[in-house]
């Protein structure tokens, strides 16, 4: 006799694989690691601090 297979199990496995592939594609397209986000935030803060350090106190020249 042939082996009995549960078609629902295969259908669900296929759906999970498709969702996982879509999630991986989105992560590659939009995702950044936590370290990358923290590095970008630190660079932005450093740039703001540098600009603030070079500001004149008093009247702006027009």
PDB file of N, CA and C in Angstrom:
ATOM      1  N   UNK A   1       0.828  -1.191   0.000  1.00  0.00           N
ATOM      2  CA  UNK A   1       0.000   0.000   0.000  1.00  0.00           C
ATOM      3  C   UNK A   1       0.869   1.249   0.000  1.00  0.00           C
ATOM      4  N   UNK A   2       0.284   2.297  -0.409  1.00  0.00           N
ATOM      5  CA  UNK A   2       0.979   3.578  -0.446  1.00  0.00           C
ATOM      6  C   UNK A   2       0.950   4.228   0.937  1.00  0.00           C
ATOM      7  N   UNK A   3       1.926   5.083   1.152  1.00  0.00           N
ATOM      8  CA  UNK A   3       1.987   5.796   2.424  1.00  0.00           C
ATOM      9  C   UNK A   3       0.967   6.933   2.411  1.00  0.00           C
ATOM     10  N   UNK A   4       0.253   7.065   3.496  1.00  0.00           N
ATOM     11  CA  UNK A   4      -0.764   8.113   3.597  1.00  0.00           C
ATOM     12  C   UNK A   4      -0.069   9.413   3.984  1.00  0.00           C
ATOM     13  N   UNK A   5      -0.390  10.494   3.261  1.00  0.00           N
ATOM     14  CA  UNK A   5       0.200  11.803   3.553  1.00  0.00           C
ATOM     15  C   UNK A   5      -0.902  12.772   3.939  1.00  0.00           C
ATOM     16  N   UNK A   6      -0.554  13.669   4.805  1.00  0.00           N
ATOM     17  CA  UNK A   6      -1.492  14.689   5.245  1.00  0.00           C
ATOM     18  C   UNK A   6      -1.251  15.927   4.394  1.00  0.00           C
ATOM     19  N   UNK A   7      -2.178  16.209   3.499  1.00  0.00           N
ATOM     20  CA  UNK A   7      -2.013  17.326   2.581  1.00  0.00           C
ATOM     21  C   UNK A   7      -2.055  18.672   3.293  1.00  0.00           C
ATOM     22  N   UNK A   8      -2.780  18.748   4.408  1.00  0.00           N
ATOM     23  CA  UNK A   8      -2.821  20.003   5.159  1.00  0.00           C
ATOM     24  C   UNK A   8      -1.440  20.366   5.684  1.00  0.00           C
ATOM     25  N   UNK A   9      -0.683  19.381   6.119  1.00  0.00           N
ATOM     26  CA  UNK A   9       0.658  19.643   6.638  1.00  0.00           C
ATOM     27  C   UNK A   9       1.547  20.227   5.542  1.00  0.00           C
ATOM     28  N   UNK A  10       1.482  19.664   4.355  1.00  0.00           N
ATOM     29  CA  UNK A  10       2.296  20.168   3.252  1.00  0.00           C
ATOM     30  C   UNK A  10       1.856  21.563   2.818  1.00  0.00           C
ATOM     31  N   UNK A  11       0.559  21.796   2.843  1.00  0.00           N
ATOM     32  CA  UNK A  11       0.040  23.125   2.483  1.00  0.00           C
ATOM     33  C   UNK A  11       0.536  24.170   3.481  1.00  0.00           C
ATOM     34  N   UNK A  12       0.489  23.836   4.764  1.00  0.00           N
ATOM     35  CA  UNK A  12       0.933  24.764   5.796  1.00  0.00           C
ATOM     36  C   UNK A  12       2.440  24.992   5.726  1.00  0.00           C
ATOM     37  N   UNK A  13       3.197  23.948   5.447  1.00  0.00           N
ATOM     38  CA  UNK A  13       4.647  24.109   5.310  1.00  0.00           C
ATOM     39  C   UNK A  13       4.981  25.044   4.154  1.00  0.00           C
ATOM     40  N   UNK A  14       4.261  24.893   3.057  1.00  0.00           N
ATOM     41  CA  UNK A  14       4.492  25.749   1.897  1.00  0.00           C
ATOM     42  C   UNK A  14       4.150  27.210   2.228  1.00  0.00           C
ATOM     43  N   UNK A  15       3.060  27.429   2.949  1.00  0.00           N
ATOM     44  CA  UNK A  15       2.659  28.792   3.329  1.00  0.00           C
ATOM     45  C   UNK A  15       3.694  29.407   4.259  1.00  0.00           C
ATOM     46  N   UNK A  16       4.212  28.613   5.221  1.00  0.00           N
ATOM     47  CA  UNK A  16       5.238  29.128   6.126  1.00  0.00           C
ATOM     48  C   UNK A  16       6.498  29.519   5.362  1.00  0.00           C
ATOM     49  N   UNK A  17       6.893  28.684   4.421  1.00  0.00           N
ATOM     50  CA  UNK A  17       8.096  28.966   3.639  1.00  0.00           C
ATOM     51  C   UNK A  17       7.925  30.246   2.816  1.00  0.00           C
ATOM     52  N   UNK A  18       6.745  30.443   2.251  1.00  0.00           N
ATOM     53  CA  UNK A  18       6.488  31.657   1.465  1.00  0.00           C
ATOM     54  C   UNK A  18       6.523  32.896   2.353  1.00  0.00           C
ATOM     55  N   UNK A  19       5.925  32.812   3.543  1.00  0.00           N
ATOM     56  CA  UNK A  19       5.947  33.961   4.466  1.00  0.00           C
ATOM     57  C   UNK A  19       7.373  34.264   4.917  1.00  0.00           C
ATOM     58  N   UNK A  20       8.131  33.212   5.191  1.00  0.00           N
ATOM     59  CA  UNK A  20       9.519  33.400   5.619  1.00  0.00           C
ATOM     60  C   UNK A  20      10.343  34.045   4.513  1.00  0.00           C
ATOM     61  N   UNK A  21      10.122  33.632   3.273  1.00  0.00           N
ATOM     62  CA  UNK A  21      10.854  34.209   2.147  1.00  0.00           C
ATOM     63  C   UNK A  21      10.490  35.692   1.982  1.00  0.00           C
ATOM     64  N   UNK A  22       9.219  36.018   2.140  1.00  0.00           N
ATOM     65  CA  UNK A  22       8.803  37.416   2.055  1.00  0.00           C
ATOM     66  C   UNK A  22       9.393  38.250   3.174  1.00  0.00           C
ATOM     67  N   UNK A  23       9.441  37.693   4.372  1.00  0.00           N
ATOM     68  CA  UNK A  23      10.013  38.414   5.507  1.00  0.00           C
ATOM     69  C   UNK A  23      11.509  38.626   5.307  1.00  0.00           C
ATOM     70  N   UNK A  24      12.197  37.630   4.788  1.00  0.00           N
ATOM     71  CA  UNK A  24      13.630  37.775   4.525  1.00  0.00           C
ATOM     72  C   UNK A  24      13.895  38.845   3.469  1.00  0.00           C
ATOM     73  N   UNK A  25      13.039  38.900   2.461  1.00  0.00           N
ATOM     74  CA  UNK A  25      13.189  39.916   1.416  1.00  0.00           C
ATOM     75  C   UNK A  25      12.997  41.312   2.006  1.00  0.00           C
ATOM     76  N   UNK A  26      11.989  41.473   2.866  1.00  0.00           N
ATOM     77  CA  UNK A  26      11.753  42.773   3.498  1.00  0.00           C
ATOM     78  C   UNK A  26      12.895  43.144   4.426  1.00  0.00           C
ATOM     79  N   UNK A  27      13.427  42.185   5.138  1.00  0.00           N
ATOM     80  CA  UNK A  27      14.546  42.469   6.041  1.00  0.00           C
ATOM     81  C   UNK A  27      15.762  42.915   5.255  1.00  0.00           C
ATOM     82  N   UNK A  28      16.001  42.297   4.122  1.00  0.00           N
ATOM     83  CA  UNK A  28      17.140  42.689   3.300  1.00  0.00           C
ATOM     84  C   UNK A  28      16.924  44.071   2.689  1.00  0.00           C
ATOM     85  N   UNK A  29      15.682  44.376   2.373  1.00  0.00           N
ATOM     86  CA  UNK A  29      15.382  45.654   1.719  1.00  0.00           C
ATOM     87  C   UNK A  29      15.353  46.820   2.705  1.00  0.00           C
ATOM     88  N   UNK A  30      14.717  46.625   3.857  1.00  0.00           N
ATOM     89  CA  UNK A  30      14.479  47.728   4.780  1.00  0.00           C
ATOM     90  C   UNK A  30      15.240  47.624   6.092  1.00  0.00           C
ATOM     91  N   UNK A  31      15.630  46.452   6.457  1.00  0.00           N
ATOM     92  CA  UNK A  31      16.146  46.221   7.802  1.00  0.00           C
ATOM     93  C   UNK A  31      17.566  46.709   8.006  1.00  0.00           C
ATOM     94  N   UNK A  32      17.820  47.112   9.208  1.00  0.00           N
ATOM     95  CA  UNK A  32      19.165  47.458   9.653  1.00  0.00           C
ATOM     96  C   UNK A  32      19.365  46.780  10.992  1.00  0.00           C
ATOM     97  N   UNK A  33      20.587  46.440  11.279  1.00  0.00           N
ATOM     98  CA  UNK A  33      20.853  45.836  12.569  1.00  0.00           C
ATOM     99  C   UNK A  33      20.828  46.915  13.644  1.00  0.00           C
ATOM    100  N   UNK A  34      20.728  46.476  14.867  1.00  0.00           N
ATOM    101  CA  UNK A  34      20.711  47.421  15.983  1.00  0.00           C
ATOM    102  C   UNK A  34      22.017  48.208  16.023  1.00  0.00           C
ATOM    103  N   UNK A  35      23.122  47.548  15.765  1.00  0.00           N
ATOM    104  CA  UNK A  35      24.421  48.220  15.773  1.00  0.00           C
ATOM    105  C   UNK A  35      24.481  49.315  14.704  1.00  0.00           C
ATOM    106  N   UNK A  36      23.915  49.039  13.531  1.00  0.00           N
ATOM    107  CA  UNK A  36      23.908  50.051  12.471  1.00  0.00           C
ATOM    108  C   UNK A  36      23.077  51.260  12.878  1.00  0.00           C
ATOM    109  N   UNK A  37      21.895  51.019  13.469  1.00  0.00           N
ATOM    110  CA  UNK A  37      21.053  52.140  13.908  1.00  0.00           C
ATOM    111  C   UNK A  37      21.766  52.969  14.968  1.00  0.00           C
ATOM    112  N   UNK A  38      22.384  52.304  15.937  1.00  0.00           N
ATOM    113  CA  UNK A  38      23.066  53.032  17.007  1.00  0.00           C
ATOM    114  C   UNK A  38      24.254  53.810  16.471  1.00  0.00           C
ATOM    115  N   UNK A  39      24.965  53.248  15.496  1.00  0.00           N
ATOM    116  CA  UNK A  39      26.103  53.952  14.903  1.00  0.00           C
ATOM    117  C   UNK A  39      25.642  55.194  14.152  1.00  0.00           C
ATOM    118  N   UNK A  40      24.563  55.071  13.392  1.00  0.00           N
ATOM    119  CA  UNK A  40      24.039  56.232  12.668  1.00  0.00           C
ATOM    120  C   UNK A  40      23.550  57.307  13.627  1.00  0.00           C
ATOM    121  N   UNK A  41      22.897  56.917  14.719  1.00  0.00           N
ATOM    122  CA  UNK A  41      22.441  57.890  15.711  1.00  0.00           C
ATOM    123  C   UNK A  41      23.625  58.593  16.360  1.00  0.00           C
ATOM    124  N   UNK A  42      24.688  57.847  16.658  1.00  0.00           N
ATOM    125  CA  UNK A  42      25.877  58.440  17.271  1.00  0.00           C
ATOM    126  C   UNK A  42      26.547  59.422  16.306  1.00  0.00           C
ATOM    127  N   UNK A  43      26.600  59.070  15.031  1.00  0.00           N
ATOM    128  CA  UNK A  43      27.193  59.973  14.045  1.00  0.00           C
ATOM    129  C   UNK A  43      26.369  61.244  13.905  1.00  0.00           C
ATOM    130  N   UNK A  44      25.045  61.111  13.920  1.00  0.00           N
ATOM    131  CA  UNK A  44      24.182  62.287  13.813  1.00  0.00           C
ATOM    132  C   UNK A  44      24.350  63.184  15.042  1.00  0.00           C
ATOM    133  N   UNK A  45      24.428  62.587  16.215  1.00  0.00           N
ATOM    134  CA  UNK A  45      24.619  63.364  17.445  1.00  0.00           C
ATOM    135  C   UNK A  45      25.967  64.082  17.429  1.00  0.00           C
ATOM    136  N   UNK A  46      26.983  63.411  16.942  1.00  0.00           N
ATOM    137  CA  UNK A  46      28.315  64.024  16.857  1.00  0.00           C
ATOM    138  C   UNK A  46      28.297  65.204  15.890  1.00  0.00           C
ATOM    139  N   UNK A  47      27.605  65.052  14.766  1.00  0.00           N
ATOM    140  CA  UNK A  47      27.514  66.141  13.796  1.00  0.00           C
ATOM    141  C   UNK A  47      26.755  67.335  14.390  1.00  0.00           C
ATOM    142  N   UNK A  48      25.653  67.051  15.134  1.00  0.00           N
ATOM    143  CA  UNK A  48      24.905  68.136  15.788  1.00  0.00           C
ATOM    144  C   UNK A  48      25.771  68.854  16.805  1.00  0.00           C
ATOM    145  N   UNK A  49      26.529  68.087  17.576  1.00  0.00           N
ATOM    146  CA  UNK A  49      27.390  68.693  18.598  1.00  0.00           C
ATOM    147  C   UNK A  49      28.471  69.553  17.946  1.00  0.00           C
ATOM    148  N   UNK A  50      29.011  69.087  16.829  1.00  0.00           N
ATOM    149  CA  UNK A  50      30.036  69.845  16.120  1.00  0.00           C
ATOM    150  C   UNK A  50      29.475  71.166  15.599  1.00  0.00           C
ATOM    151  N   UNK A  51      28.285  71.125  15.041  1.00  0.00           N
ATOM    152  CA  UNK A  51      27.659  72.355  14.556  1.00  0.00           C
ATOM    153  C   UNK A  51      27.338  73.309  15.703  1.00  0.00           C
ATOM    154  N   UNK A  52      26.826  72.771  16.788  1.00  0.00           N
ATOM    155  CA  UNK A  52      26.508  73.611  17.947  1.00  0.00           C
ATOM    156  C   UNK A  52      27.772  74.244  18.527  1.00  0.00           C
ATOM    157  N   UNK A  53      28.880  73.536  18.479  1.00  0.00           N
ATOM    158  CA  UNK A  53      30.137  74.067  19.013  1.00  0.00           C
ATOM    159  C   UNK A  53      30.652  75.224  18.168  1.00  0.00           C
ATOM    160  N   UNK A  54      30.297  75.273  16.907  1.00  0.00           N
ATOM    161  CA  UNK A  54      30.777  76.316  16.011  1.00  0.00           C
ATOM    162  C   UNK A  54      29.806  77.486  15.880  1.00  0.00           C
ATOM    163  N   UNK A  55      28.708  77.432  16.627  1.00  0.00           N
ATOM    164  CA  UNK A  55      27.745  78.531  16.580  1.00  0.00           C
ATOM    165  C   UNK A  55      28.281  79.736  17.315  1.00  0.00           C
ATOM    166  N   UNK A  56      27.908  80.869  16.809  1.00  0.00           N
ATOM    167  CA  UNK A  56      28.263  82.110  17.490  1.00  0.00           C
ATOM    168  C   UNK A  56      27.213  82.412  18.540  1.00  0.00           C
ATOM    169  N   UNK A  57      27.661  82.937  19.636  1.00  0.00           N
ATOM    170  CA  UNK A  57      26.724  83.385  20.664  1.00  0.00           C
ATOM    171  C   UNK A  57      26.508  84.875  20.446  1.00  0.00           C
ATOM    172  N   UNK A  58      25.306  85.240  20.166  1.00  0.00           N
ATOM    173  CA  UNK A  58      24.999  86.643  19.938  1.00  0.00           C
ATOM    174  C   UNK A  58      24.184  86.826  18.682  1.00  0.00           C
ATOM    175  N   UNK A  59      24.424  87.933  18.008  1.00  0.00           N
ATOM    176  CA  UNK A  59      23.628  88.237  16.835  1.00  0.00           C
ATOM    177  C   UNK A  59      24.089  87.455  15.629  1.00  0.00           C
ATOM    178  N   UNK A  60      23.125  87.127  14.802  1.00  0.00           N
ATOM    179  CA  UNK A  60      23.446  86.457  13.544  1.00  0.00           C
ATOM    180  C   UNK A  60      23.824  87.505  12.513  1.00  0.00           C
ATOM    181  N   UNK A  61      24.789  87.185  11.688  1.00  0.00           N
ATOM    182  CA  UNK A  61      25.167  88.105  10.629  1.00  0.00           C
ATOM    183  C   UNK A  61      24.219  87.900   9.455  1.00  0.00           C
ATOM    184  N   UNK A  62      23.726  88.986   8.927  1.00  0.00           N
ATOM    185  CA  UNK A  62      22.776  88.897   7.825  1.00  0.00           C
ATOM    186  C   UNK A  62      23.373  89.388   6.530  1.00  0.00           C
TER     187      UNK A  62
END
